[in-house]
Amino acid sequence: MIIESSQLLEVVVKAADDKRGEDIVALDVQGISLLADYFVICHGNSEKQVGAIVDEIANAARQAGIEVGRIEGKESGKWVLVDLGDIVVHVFHSSEREFYNLEKLWSDAPMVNLTSLVD
């Protein structure tokens, strides 16, 4: 089954929201980065919550028929990167998110309106 990156974006955002991922943001990096179509950024308030968010995203992607690439940084629970091909997910511990401020780093990328996908 082939899934469009916009459909995968919905799967990822809903999975992060299900585990109470906070301040979920999606940046449309098509035309800006060769790495992916979207970057999804969110955070949890503990290492345990960060791990739960990552696990939920990986499981939801697999259920949608998406191959989960590398998952980097899960051991520390501070900044975890999940490679889903067209989408790269960054799950931060809240303090790390402020420090790295990826939204500012990728400020050329338009934000995707996610209001219909999250509670």
PDB file of N, CA and C in Angstrom:
ATOM      1  N   MET A   1       0.842  -1.175   0.000  1.00  0.00           N
ATOM      2  CA  MET A   1       0.000   0.000   0.000  1.00  0.00           C
ATOM      3  C   MET A   1       0.893   1.247   0.000  1.00  0.00           C
ATOM      4  N   ILE A   2       0.608   2.129  -0.918  1.00  0.00           N
ATOM      5  CA  ILE A   2       1.339   3.404  -0.997  1.00  0.00           C
ATOM      6  C   ILE A   2       0.543   4.449  -0.229  1.00  0.00           C
ATOM      7  N   ILE A   3       1.225   5.160   0.646  1.00  0.00           N
ATOM      8  CA  ILE A   3       0.567   6.196   1.440  1.00  0.00           C
ATOM      9  C   ILE A   3       1.244   7.528   1.132  1.00  0.00           C
ATOM     10  N   GLU A   4       0.446   8.527   0.869  1.00  0.00           N
ATOM     11  CA  GLU A   4       0.958   9.867   0.581  1.00  0.00           C
ATOM     12  C   GLU A   4       1.563  10.469   1.857  1.00  0.00           C
ATOM     13  N   SER A   5       2.511  11.375   1.667  1.00  0.00           N
ATOM     14  CA  SER A   5       3.149  11.981   2.843  1.00  0.00           C
ATOM     15  C   SER A   5       2.135  12.763   3.677  1.00  0.00           C
ATOM     16  N   SER A   6       1.113  13.344   3.043  1.00  0.00           N
ATOM     17  CA  SER A   6       0.100  14.078   3.810  1.00  0.00           C
ATOM     18  C   SER A   6      -0.735  13.126   4.668  1.00  0.00           C
ATOM     19  N   GLN A   7      -0.967  11.896   4.180  1.00  0.00           N
ATOM     20  CA  GLN A   7      -1.687  10.897   4.974  1.00  0.00           C
ATOM     21  C   GLN A   7      -0.824  10.411   6.134  1.00  0.00           C
ATOM     22  N   LEU A   8       0.455  10.212   5.857  1.00  0.00           N
ATOM     23  CA  LEU A   8       1.379   9.806   6.915  1.00  0.00           C
ATOM     24  C   LEU A   8       1.487  10.898   7.967  1.00  0.00           C
ATOM     25  N   LEU A   9       1.458  12.146   7.527  1.00  0.00           N
ATOM     26  CA  LEU A   9       1.494  13.264   8.469  1.00  0.00           C
ATOM     27  C   LEU A   9       0.330  13.157   9.453  1.00  0.00           C
ATOM     28  N   GLU A  10      -0.842  12.831   8.945  1.00  0.00           N
ATOM     29  CA  GLU A  10      -2.009  12.680   9.813  1.00  0.00           C
ATOM     30  C   GLU A  10      -1.802  11.542  10.816  1.00  0.00           C
ATOM     31  N   VAL A  11      -1.263  10.417  10.357  1.00  0.00           N
ATOM     32  CA  VAL A  11      -0.997   9.275  11.242  1.00  0.00           C
ATOM     33  C   VAL A  11      -0.035   9.682  12.362  1.00  0.00           C
ATOM     34  N   VAL A  12       1.032  10.376  11.992  1.00  0.00           N
ATOM     35  CA  VAL A  12       2.066  10.782  12.958  1.00  0.00           C
ATOM     36  C   VAL A  12       1.507  11.762  13.979  1.00  0.00           C
ATOM     37  N   VAL A  13       0.798  12.767  13.503  1.00  0.00           N
ATOM     38  CA  VAL A  13       0.276  13.804  14.402  1.00  0.00           C
ATOM     39  C   VAL A  13      -0.740  13.212  15.377  1.00  0.00           C
ATOM     40  N   LYS A  14      -1.625  12.352  14.884  1.00  0.00           N
ATOM     41  CA  LYS A  14      -2.618  11.737  15.768  1.00  0.00           C
ATOM     42  C   LYS A  14      -1.952  10.820  16.794  1.00  0.00           C
ATOM     43  N   ALA A  15      -0.904  10.093  16.382  1.00  0.00           N
ATOM     44  CA  ALA A  15      -0.193   9.223  17.319  1.00  0.00           C
ATOM     45  C   ALA A  15       0.484  10.046  18.413  1.00  0.00           C
ATOM     46  N   ALA A  16       1.130  11.147  18.034  1.00  0.00           N
ATOM     47  CA  ALA A  16       1.773  12.012  19.029  1.00  0.00           C
ATOM     48  C   ALA A  16       0.734  12.599  19.972  1.00  0.00           C
ATOM     49  N   ASP A  17      -0.391  13.012  19.421  1.00  0.00           N
ATOM     50  CA  ASP A  17      -1.460  13.584  20.237  1.00  0.00           C
ATOM     51  C   ASP A  17      -2.050  12.549  21.196  1.00  0.00           C
ATOM     52  N   ASP A  18      -2.159  11.301  20.740  1.00  0.00           N
ATOM     53  CA  ASP A  18      -2.690  10.229  21.594  1.00  0.00           C
ATOM     54  C   ASP A  18      -1.864  10.032  22.858  1.00  0.00           C
ATOM     55  N   LYS A  19      -0.562  10.292  22.782  1.00  0.00           N
ATOM     56  CA  LYS A  19       0.317  10.146  23.950  1.00  0.00           C
ATOM     57  C   LYS A  19       0.620  11.494  24.590  1.00  0.00           C
ATOM     58  N   ARG A  20      -0.246  12.447  24.319  1.00  0.00           N
ATOM     59  CA  ARG A  20      -0.167  13.778  24.922  1.00  0.00           C
ATOM     60  C   ARG A  20       1.105  14.540  24.561  1.00  0.00           C
ATOM     61  N   GLY A  21       1.586  14.323  23.332  1.00  0.00           N
ATOM     62  CA  GLY A  21       2.687  15.145  22.831  1.00  0.00           C
ATOM     63  C   GLY A  21       2.237  16.599  22.850  1.00  0.00           C
ATOM     64  N   GLU A  22       3.104  17.478  23.269  1.00  0.00           N
ATOM     65  CA  GLU A  22       2.729  18.879  23.436  1.00  0.00           C
ATOM     66  C   GLU A  22       3.281  19.749  22.319  1.00  0.00           C
ATOM     67  N   ASP A  23       2.502  20.795  22.014  1.00  0.00           N
ATOM     68  CA  ASP A  23       2.875  21.800  21.011  1.00  0.00           C
ATOM     69  C   ASP A  23       3.352  21.125  19.716  1.00  0.00           C
ATOM     70  N   ILE A  24       2.481  20.295  19.137  1.00  0.00           N
ATOM     71  CA  ILE A  24       2.823  19.563  17.911  1.00  0.00           C
ATOM     72  C   ILE A  24       2.812  20.529  16.741  1.00  0.00           C
ATOM     73  N   VAL A  25       3.928  20.552  16.028  1.00  0.00           N
ATOM     74  CA  VAL A  25       4.104  21.439  14.884  1.00  0.00           C
ATOM     75  C   VAL A  25       4.571  20.608  13.702  1.00  0.00           C
ATOM     76  N   ALA A  26       4.042  20.921  12.523  1.00  0.00           N
ATOM     77  CA  ALA A  26       4.531  20.289  11.295  1.00  0.00           C
ATOM     78  C   ALA A  26       5.025  21.391  10.368  1.00  0.00           C
ATOM     79  N   LEU A  27       6.234  21.229   9.885  1.00  0.00           N
ATOM     80  CA  LEU A  27       6.825  22.174   8.945  1.00  0.00           C
ATOM     81  C   LEU A  27       6.884  21.524   7.575  1.00  0.00           C
ATOM     82  N   ASP A  28       6.405  22.233   6.568  1.00  0.00           N
ATOM     83  CA  ASP A  28       6.445  21.756   5.191  1.00  0.00           C
ATOM     84  C   ASP A  28       7.805  22.144   4.613  1.00  0.00           C
ATOM     85  N   VAL A  29       8.706  21.172   4.545  1.00  0.00           N
ATOM     86  CA  VAL A  29      10.069  21.451   4.089  1.00  0.00           C
ATOM     87  C   VAL A  29      10.298  21.020   2.635  1.00  0.00           C
ATOM     88  N   GLN A  30       9.218  20.722   1.914  1.00  0.00           N
ATOM     89  CA  GLN A  30       9.343  20.396   0.497  1.00  0.00           C
ATOM     90  C   GLN A  30       9.912  21.623  -0.213  1.00  0.00           C
ATOM     91  N   GLY A  31      10.901  21.434  -1.023  1.00  0.00           N
ATOM     92  CA  GLY A  31      11.517  22.547  -1.716  1.00  0.00           C
ATOM     93  C   GLY A  31      12.574  23.270  -0.891  1.00  0.00           C
ATOM     94  N   ILE A  32      12.679  22.955   0.389  1.00  0.00           N
ATOM     95  CA  ILE A  32      13.685  23.574   1.257  1.00  0.00           C
ATOM     96  C   ILE A  32      14.741  22.550   1.637  1.00  0.00           C
ATOM     97  N   SER A  33      14.295  21.321   1.880  1.00  0.00           N
ATOM     98  CA  SER A  33      15.191  20.250   2.296  1.00  0.00           C
ATOM     99  C   SER A  33      15.010  19.036   1.405  1.00  0.00           C
ATOM    100  N   LEU A  34      16.103  18.389   1.089  1.00  0.00           N
ATOM    101  CA  LEU A  34      16.029  17.136   0.335  1.00  0.00           C
ATOM    102  C   LEU A  34      15.787  15.944   1.254  1.00  0.00           C
ATOM    103  N   LEU A  35      15.832  16.177   2.567  1.00  0.00           N
ATOM    104  CA  LEU A  35      15.704  15.099   3.541  1.00  0.00           C
ATOM    105  C   LEU A  35      14.298  14.538   3.649  1.00  0.00           C
ATOM    106  N   ALA A  36      13.287  15.398   3.550  1.00  0.00           N
ATOM    107  CA  ALA A  36      11.920  14.966   3.815  1.00  0.00           C
ATOM    108  C   ALA A  36      10.937  15.976   3.244  1.00  0.00           C
ATOM    109  N   ASP A  37       9.648  15.604   3.272  1.00  0.00           N
ATOM    110  CA  ASP A  37       8.575  16.531   2.898  1.00  0.00           C
ATOM    111  C   ASP A  37       8.126  17.346   4.107  1.00  0.00           C
ATOM    112  N   TYR A  38       8.123  16.689   5.270  1.00  0.00           N
ATOM    113  CA  TYR A  38       7.665  17.344   6.498  1.00  0.00           C
ATOM    114  C   TYR A  38       8.592  17.024   7.657  1.00  0.00           C
ATOM    115  N   PHE A  39       8.753  17.994   8.529  1.00  0.00           N
ATOM    116  CA  PHE A  39       9.337  17.775   9.839  1.00  0.00           C
ATOM    117  C   PHE A  39       8.200  17.934  10.845  1.00  0.00           C
ATOM    118  N   VAL A  40       8.047  16.964  11.718  1.00  0.00           N
ATOM    119  CA  VAL A  40       7.079  17.075  12.802  1.00  0.00           C
ATOM    120  C   VAL A  40       7.879  17.231  14.087  1.00  0.00           C
ATOM    121  N   ILE A  41       7.495  18.215  14.886  1.00  0.00           N
ATOM    122  CA  ILE A  41       8.201  18.527  16.128  1.00  0.00           C
ATOM    123  C   ILE A  41       7.179  18.559  17.257  1.00  0.00           C
ATOM    124  N   CYS A  42       7.503  17.895  18.353  1.00  0.00           N
ATOM    125  CA  CYS A  42       6.665  17.971  19.544  1.00  0.00           C
ATOM    126  C   CYS A  42       7.542  17.692  20.756  1.00  0.00           C
ATOM    127  N   HIS A  43       6.947  17.764  21.937  1.00  0.00           N
ATOM    128  CA  HIS A  43       7.732  17.454  23.128  1.00  0.00           C
ATOM    129  C   HIS A  43       6.873  16.777  24.188  1.00  0.00           C
ATOM    130  N   GLY A  44       7.599  16.121  25.085  1.00  0.00           N
ATOM    131  CA  GLY A  44       7.015  15.526  26.275  1.00  0.00           C
ATOM    132  C   GLY A  44       7.689  16.141  27.479  1.00  0.00           C
ATOM    133  N   ASN A  45       7.123  15.892  28.649  1.00  0.00           N
ATOM    134  CA  ASN A  45       7.644  16.521  29.865  1.00  0.00           C
ATOM    135  C   ASN A  45       8.508  15.604  30.715  1.00  0.00           C
ATOM    136  N   SER A  46       8.750  14.389  30.230  1.00  0.00           N
ATOM    137  CA  SER A  46       9.643  13.466  30.921  1.00  0.00           C
ATOM    138  C   SER A  46      10.250  12.523  29.887  1.00  0.00           C
ATOM    139  N   GLU A  47      11.345  11.867  30.257  1.00  0.00           N
ATOM    140  CA  GLU A  47      11.956  10.902  29.345  1.00  0.00           C
ATOM    141  C   GLU A  47      10.983   9.763  29.036  1.00  0.00           C
ATOM    142  N   LYS A  48      10.216   9.372  30.047  1.00  0.00           N
ATOM    143  CA  LYS A  48       9.238   8.292  29.860  1.00  0.00           C
ATOM    144  C   LYS A  48       8.167   8.693  28.844  1.00  0.00           C
ATOM    145  N   GLN A  49       7.676   9.918  28.948  1.00  0.00           N
ATOM    146  CA  GLN A  49       6.664  10.377  27.999  1.00  0.00           C
ATOM    147  C   GLN A  49       7.242  10.498  26.596  1.00  0.00           C
ATOM    148  N   VAL A  50       8.457  10.991  26.476  1.00  0.00           N
ATOM    149  CA  VAL A  50       9.112  11.083  25.168  1.00  0.00           C
ATOM    150  C   VAL A  50       9.173   9.684  24.533  1.00  0.00           C
ATOM    151  N   GLY A  51       9.581   8.687  25.323  1.00  0.00           N
ATOM    152  CA  GLY A  51       9.645   7.316  24.818  1.00  0.00           C
ATOM    153  C   GLY A  51       8.289   6.789  24.396  1.00  0.00           C
ATOM    154  N   ALA A  52       7.254   7.095  25.167  1.00  0.00           N
ATOM    155  CA  ALA A  52       5.897   6.647  24.830  1.00  0.00           C
ATOM    156  C   ALA A  52       5.407   7.283  23.535  1.00  0.00           C
ATOM    157  N   ILE A  53       5.704   8.558  23.341  1.00  0.00           N
ATOM    158  CA  ILE A  53       5.321   9.245  22.102  1.00  0.00           C
ATOM    159  C   ILE A  53       6.019   8.586  20.904  1.00  0.00           C
ATOM    160  N   VAL A  54       7.310   8.348  21.038  1.00  0.00           N
ATOM    161  CA  VAL A  54       8.084   7.726  19.957  1.00  0.00           C
ATOM    162  C   VAL A  54       7.542   6.336  19.636  1.00  0.00           C
ATOM    163  N   ASP A  55       7.284   5.536  20.661  1.00  0.00           N
ATOM    164  CA  ASP A  55       6.750   4.186  20.440  1.00  0.00           C
ATOM    165  C   ASP A  55       5.409   4.233  19.727  1.00  0.00           C
ATOM    166  N   GLU A  56       4.542   5.148  20.135  1.00  0.00           N
ATOM    167  CA  GLU A  56       3.215   5.260  19.521  1.00  0.00           C
ATOM    168  C   GLU A  56       3.321   5.674  18.053  1.00  0.00           C
ATOM    169  N   ILE A  57       4.208   6.607  17.753  1.00  0.00           N
ATOM    170  CA  ILE A  57       4.398   7.042  16.366  1.00  0.00           C
ATOM    171  C   ILE A  57       4.925   5.882  15.524  1.00  0.00           C
ATOM    172  N   ALA A  58       5.926   5.174  16.021  1.00  0.00           N
ATOM    173  CA  ALA A  58       6.499   4.046  15.279  1.00  0.00           C
ATOM    174  C   ALA A  58       5.458   2.954  15.052  1.00  0.00           C
ATOM    175  N   ASN A  59       4.674   2.628  16.075  1.00  0.00           N
ATOM    176  CA  ASN A  59       3.644   1.597  15.936  1.00  0.00           C
ATOM    177  C   ASN A  59       2.560   2.020  14.940  1.00  0.00           C
ATOM    178  N   ALA A  60       2.120   3.265  15.022  1.00  0.00           N
ATOM    179  CA  ALA A  60       1.083   3.754  14.108  1.00  0.00           C
ATOM    180  C   ALA A  60       1.584   3.752  12.670  1.00  0.00           C
ATOM    181  N   ALA A  61       2.848   4.130  12.469  1.00  0.00           N
ATOM    182  CA  ALA A  61       3.420   4.127  11.122  1.00  0.00           C
ATOM    183  C   ALA A  61       3.478   2.708  10.572  1.00  0.00           C
ATOM    184  N   ARG A  62       3.928   1.763  11.394  1.00  0.00           N
ATOM    185  CA  ARG A  62       3.983   0.361  10.953  1.00  0.00           C
ATOM    186  C   ARG A  62       2.595  -0.162  10.603  1.00  0.00           C
ATOM    187  N   GLN A  63       1.600   0.175  11.410  1.00  0.00           N
ATOM    188  CA  GLN A  63       0.226  -0.257  11.136  1.00  0.00           C
ATOM    189  C   GLN A  63      -0.296   0.334   9.834  1.00  0.00           C
ATOM    190  N   ALA A  64       0.217   1.501   9.449  1.00  0.00           N
ATOM    191  CA  ALA A  64      -0.178   2.137   8.195  1.00  0.00           C
ATOM    192  C   ALA A  64       0.641   1.607   7.017  1.00  0.00           C
ATOM    193  N   GLY A  65       1.540   0.653   7.298  1.00  0.00           N
ATOM    194  CA  GLY A  65       2.339   0.055   6.234  1.00  0.00           C
ATOM    195  C   GLY A  65       3.601   0.820   5.886  1.00  0.00           C
ATOM    196  N   ILE A  66       4.022   1.698   6.783  1.00  0.00           N
ATOM    197  CA  ILE A  66       5.224   2.506   6.559  1.00  0.00           C
ATOM    198  C   ILE A  66       6.407   1.850   7.244  1.00  0.00           C
ATOM    199  N   GLU A  67       7.503   1.760   6.511  1.00  0.00           N
ATOM    200  CA  GLU A  67       8.729   1.237   7.107  1.00  0.00           C
ATOM    201  C   GLU A  67       9.344   2.307   7.993  1.00  0.00           C
ATOM    202  N   VAL A  68       9.585   1.939   9.230  1.00  0.00           N
ATOM    203  CA  VAL A  68      10.214   2.864  10.169  1.00  0.00           C
ATOM    204  C   VAL A  68      11.721   2.723  10.008  1.00  0.00           C
ATOM    205  N   GLY A  69      12.356   3.825   9.627  1.00  0.00           N
ATOM    206  CA  GLY A  69      13.810   3.812   9.464  1.00  0.00           C
ATOM    207  C   GLY A  69      14.487   3.874  10.818  1.00  0.00           C
ATOM    208  N   ARG A  70      15.480   4.671  10.906  1.00  0.00           N
ATOM    209  CA  ARG A  70      16.241   4.773  12.154  1.00  0.00           C
ATOM    210  C   ARG A  70      15.469   5.552  13.209  1.00  0.00           C
ATOM    211  N   ILE A  71      15.676   5.146  14.441  1.00  0.00           N
ATOM    212  CA  ILE A  71      15.207   5.909  15.597  1.00  0.00           C
ATOM    213  C   ILE A  71      16.453   6.234  16.401  1.00  0.00           C
ATOM    214  N   GLU A  72      16.786   7.508  16.454  1.00  0.00           N
ATOM    215  CA  GLU A  72      18.025   7.952  17.098  1.00  0.00           C
ATOM    216  C   GLU A  72      17.725   8.694  18.393  1.00  0.00           C
ATOM    217  N   GLY A  73      18.470   8.405  19.448  1.00  0.00           N
ATOM    218  CA  GLY A  73      18.405   9.165  20.688  1.00  0.00           C
ATOM    219  C   GLY A  73      17.405   8.672  21.709  1.00  0.00           C
ATOM    220  N   LYS A  74      16.766   7.538  21.445  1.00  0.00           N
ATOM    221  CA  LYS A  74      15.727   7.063  22.358  1.00  0.00           C
ATOM    222  C   LYS A  74      16.284   6.725  23.740  1.00  0.00           C
ATOM    223  N   GLU A  75      17.529   6.290  23.798  1.00  0.00           N
ATOM    224  CA  GLU A  75      18.135   5.912  25.078  1.00  0.00           C
ATOM    225  C   GLU A  75      18.155   7.086  26.047  1.00  0.00           C
ATOM    226  N   SER A  76      18.433   8.287  25.543  1.00  0.00           N
ATOM    227  CA  SER A  76      18.553   9.448  26.432  1.00  0.00           C
ATOM    228  C   SER A  76      17.195  10.070  26.749  1.00  0.00           C
ATOM    229  N   GLY A  77      16.254   9.980  25.814  1.00  0.00           N
ATOM    230  CA  GLY A  77      14.943  10.570  26.040  1.00  0.00           C
ATOM    231  C   GLY A  77      14.935  12.082  26.028  1.00  0.00           C
ATOM    232  N   LYS A  78      15.974  12.683  25.482  1.00  0.00           N
ATOM    233  CA  LYS A  78      16.063  14.147  25.431  1.00  0.00           C
ATOM    234  C   LYS A  78      15.666  14.697  24.066  1.00  0.00           C
ATOM    235  N   TRP A  79      16.166  14.072  22.997  1.00  0.00           N
ATOM    236  CA  TRP A  79      15.810  14.447  21.635  1.00  0.00           C
ATOM    237  C   TRP A  79      15.843  13.165  20.822  1.00  0.00           C
ATOM    238  N   VAL A  80      14.677  12.724  20.382  1.00  0.00           N
ATOM    239  CA  VAL A  80      14.584  11.489  19.618  1.00  0.00           C
ATOM    240  C   VAL A  80      14.152  11.837  18.200  1.00  0.00           C
ATOM    241  N   LEU A  81      14.878  11.296  17.242  1.00  0.00           N
ATOM    242  CA  LEU A  81      14.570  11.501  15.837  1.00  0.00           C
ATOM    243  C   LEU A  81      14.046  10.187  15.264  1.00  0.00           C
ATOM    244  N   VAL A  82      12.893  10.258  14.596  1.00  0.00           N
ATOM    245  CA  VAL A  82      12.287   9.084  13.967  1.00  0.00           C
ATOM    246  C   VAL A  82      12.243   9.334  12.473  1.00  0.00           C
ATOM    247  N   ASP A  83      12.924   8.481  11.702  1.00  0.00           N
ATOM    248  CA  ASP A  83      12.983   8.615  10.252  1.00  0.00           C
ATOM    249  C   ASP A  83      11.888   7.761   9.620  1.00  0.00           C
ATOM    250  N   LEU A  84      10.899   8.431   9.042  1.00  0.00           N
ATOM    251  CA  LEU A  84       9.808   7.735   8.361  1.00  0.00           C
ATOM    252  C   LEU A  84       9.849   8.002   6.855  1.00  0.00           C
ATOM    253  N   GLY A  85      11.031   8.317   6.344  1.00  0.00           N
ATOM    254  CA  GLY A  85      11.171   8.593   4.912  1.00  0.00           C
ATOM    255  C   GLY A  85      10.727  10.007   4.587  1.00  0.00           C
ATOM    256  N   ASP A  86       9.489  10.172   4.133  1.00  0.00           N
ATOM    257  CA  ASP A  86       8.980  11.489   3.756  1.00  0.00           C
ATOM    258  C   ASP A  86       8.764  12.412   4.951  1.00  0.00           C
ATOM    259  N   ILE A  87       8.738  11.822   6.138  1.00  0.00           N
ATOM    260  CA  ILE A  87       8.546  12.614   7.351  1.00  0.00           C
ATOM    261  C   ILE A  87       9.640  12.274   8.353  1.00  0.00           C
ATOM    262  N   VAL A  88      10.227  13.320   8.908  1.00  0.00           N
ATOM    263  CA  VAL A  88      11.193  13.153   9.989  1.00  0.00           C
ATOM    264  C   VAL A  88      10.551  13.752  11.233  1.00  0.00           C
ATOM    265  N   VAL A  89      10.465  12.945  12.279  1.00  0.00           N
ATOM    266  CA  VAL A  89       9.816  13.366  13.519  1.00  0.00           C
ATOM    267  C   VAL A  89      10.876  13.650  14.571  1.00  0.00           C
ATOM    268  N   HIS A  90      10.735  14.788  15.231  1.00  0.00           N
ATOM    269  CA  HIS A  90      11.627  15.183  16.321  1.00  0.00           C
ATOM    270  C   HIS A  90      10.779  15.244  17.590  1.00  0.00           C
ATOM    271  N   VAL A  91      11.075  14.358  18.539  1.00  0.00           N
ATOM    272  CA  VAL A  91      10.363  14.369  19.818  1.00  0.00           C
ATOM    273  C   VAL A  91      11.378  14.776  20.884  1.00  0.00           C
ATOM    274  N   PHE A  92      11.118  15.904  21.484  1.00  0.00           N
ATOM    275  CA  PHE A  92      12.040  16.477  22.460  1.00  0.00           C
ATOM    276  C   PHE A  92      11.509  16.335  23.875  1.00  0.00           C
ATOM    277  N   HIS A  93      12.424  16.360  24.835  1.00  0.00           N
ATOM    278  CA  HIS A  93      12.075  16.676  26.218  1.00  0.00           C
ATOM    279  C   HIS A  93      11.874  18.196  26.204  1.00  0.00           C
ATOM    280  N   SER A  94      10.935  18.706  26.974  1.00  0.00           N
ATOM    281  CA  SER A  94      10.572  20.124  26.886  1.00  0.00           C
ATOM    282  C   SER A  94      11.769  21.070  26.992  1.00  0.00           C
ATOM    283  N   SER A  95      12.698  20.800  27.894  1.00  0.00           N
ATOM    284  CA  SER A  95      13.850  21.698  28.053  1.00  0.00           C
ATOM    285  C   SER A  95      14.758  21.681  26.825  1.00  0.00           C
ATOM    286  N   GLU A  96      14.895  20.542  26.201  1.00  0.00           N
ATOM    287  CA  GLU A  96      15.751  20.437  25.017  1.00  0.00           C
ATOM    288  C   GLU A  96      15.117  21.152  23.819  1.00  0.00           C
ATOM    289  N   ARG A  97      13.811  21.091  23.718  1.00  0.00           N
ATOM    290  CA  ARG A  97      13.142  21.740  22.593  1.00  0.00           C
ATOM    291  C   ARG A  97      13.424  23.232  22.582  1.00  0.00           C
ATOM    292  N   GLU A  98      13.332  23.853  23.740  1.00  0.00           N
ATOM    293  CA  GLU A  98      13.622  25.288  23.830  1.00  0.00           C
ATOM    294  C   GLU A  98      15.053  25.584  23.405  1.00  0.00           C
ATOM    295  N   PHE A  99      15.976  24.747  23.852  1.00  0.00           N
ATOM    296  CA  PHE A  99      17.391  24.965  23.556  1.00  0.00           C
ATOM    297  C   PHE A  99      17.680  24.883  22.059  1.00  0.00           C
ATOM    298  N   TYR A 100      17.180  23.841  21.392  1.00  0.00           N
ATOM    299  CA  TYR A 100      17.497  23.637  19.974  1.00  0.00           C
ATOM    300  C   TYR A 100      16.635  24.470  19.031  1.00  0.00           C
ATOM    301  N   ASN A 101      15.418  24.791  19.420  1.00  0.00           N
ATOM    302  CA  ASN A 101      14.533  25.697  18.687  1.00  0.00           C
ATOM    303  C   ASN A 101      14.535  25.439  17.164  1.00  0.00           C
ATOM    304  N   LEU A 102      14.183  24.213  16.787  1.00  0.00           N
ATOM    305  CA  LEU A 102      14.161  23.854  15.366  1.00  0.00           C
ATOM    306  C   LEU A 102      13.194  24.698  14.551  1.00  0.00           C
ATOM    307  N   GLU A 103      12.114  25.140  15.176  1.00  0.00           N
ATOM    308  CA  GLU A 103      11.155  25.970  14.452  1.00  0.00           C
ATOM    309  C   GLU A 103      11.828  27.239  13.928  1.00  0.00           C
ATOM    310  N   LYS A 104      12.710  27.815  14.726  1.00  0.00           N
ATOM    311  CA  LYS A 104      13.425  29.015  14.283  1.00  0.00           C
ATOM    312  C   LYS A 104      14.469  28.661  13.232  1.00  0.00           C
ATOM    313  N   LEU A 105      15.166  27.552  13.441  1.00  0.00           N
ATOM    314  CA  LEU A 105      16.184  27.113  12.489  1.00  0.00           C
ATOM    315  C   LEU A 105      15.581  26.885  11.102  1.00  0.00           C
ATOM    316  N   TRP A 106      14.369  26.330  11.054  1.00  0.00           N
ATOM    317  CA  TRP A 106      13.683  26.044   9.794  1.00  0.00           C
ATOM    318  C   TRP A 106      12.554  27.048   9.555  1.00  0.00           C
ATOM    319  N   SER A 107      12.770  28.305   9.926  1.00  0.00           N
ATOM    320  CA  SER A 107      11.705  29.312   9.835  1.00  0.00           C
ATOM    321  C   SER A 107      11.275  29.610   8.405  1.00  0.00           C
ATOM    322  N   ASP A 108      12.072  29.220   7.406  1.00  0.00           N
ATOM    323  CA  ASP A 108      11.671  29.400   6.008  1.00  0.00           C
ATOM    324  C   ASP A 108      10.555  28.444   5.610  1.00  0.00           C
ATOM    325  N   ALA A 109      10.383  27.382   6.379  1.00  0.00           N
ATOM    326  CA  ALA A 109       9.376  26.365   6.055  1.00  0.00           C
ATOM    327  C   ALA A 109       8.017  26.788   6.600  1.00  0.00           C
ATOM    328  N   PRO A 110       6.990  26.748   5.754  1.00  0.00           N
ATOM    329  CA  PRO A 110       5.652  27.092   6.251  1.00  0.00           C
ATOM    330  C   PRO A 110       5.136  26.042   7.235  1.00  0.00           C
ATOM    331  N   MET A 111       4.402  26.509   8.241  1.00  0.00           N
ATOM    332  CA  MET A 111       3.774  25.592   9.190  1.00  0.00           C
ATOM    333  C   MET A 111       2.496  25.040   8.574  1.00  0.00           C
ATOM    334  N   VAL A 112       2.251  23.766   8.855  1.00  0.00           N
ATOM    335  CA  VAL A 112       1.034  23.110   8.385  1.00  0.00           C
ATOM    336  C   VAL A 112      -0.039  23.283   9.448  1.00  0.00           C
ATOM    337  N   ASN A 113      -1.245  23.630   9.031  1.00  0.00           N
ATOM    338  CA  ASN A 113      -2.352  23.773   9.976  1.00  0.00           C
ATOM    339  C   ASN A 113      -2.792  22.390  10.432  1.00  0.00           C
ATOM    340  N   LEU A 114      -2.634  22.102  11.710  1.00  0.00           N
ATOM    341  CA  LEU A 114      -2.948  20.784  12.275  1.00  0.00           C
ATOM    342  C   LEU A 114      -4.217  20.787  13.129  1.00  0.00           C
ATOM    343  N   THR A 115      -4.957  21.879  13.157  1.00  0.00           N
ATOM    344  CA  THR A 115      -6.087  21.991  14.080  1.00  0.00           C
ATOM    345  C   THR A 115      -7.122  20.892  13.870  1.00  0.00           C
ATOM    346  N   SER A 116      -7.300  20.421  12.659  1.00  0.00           N
ATOM    347  CA  SER A 116      -8.289  19.367  12.431  1.00  0.00           C
ATOM    348  C   SER A 116      -7.807  17.999  12.871  1.00  0.00           C
ATOM    349  N   LEU A 117      -6.496  17.865  13.201  1.00  0.00           N
ATOM    350  CA  LEU A 117      -5.924  16.564  13.536  1.00  0.00           C
ATOM    351  C   LEU A 117      -5.729  16.339  15.022  1.00  0.00           C
ATOM    352  N   VAL A 118      -5.732  17.409  15.797  1.00  0.00           N
ATOM    353  CA  VAL A 118      -5.465  17.279  17.232  1.00  0.00           C
ATOM    354  C   VAL A 118      -6.667  17.754  18.038  1.00  0.00           C
ATOM    355  N   ASP A 119      -6.782  17.200  19.245  1.00  0.00           N
ATOM    356  CA  ASP A 119      -7.912  17.559  20.124  1.00  0.00           C
ATOM    357  C   ASP A 119      -7.750  18.957  20.668  1.00  0.00           C
TER     358      ASP A 119
END
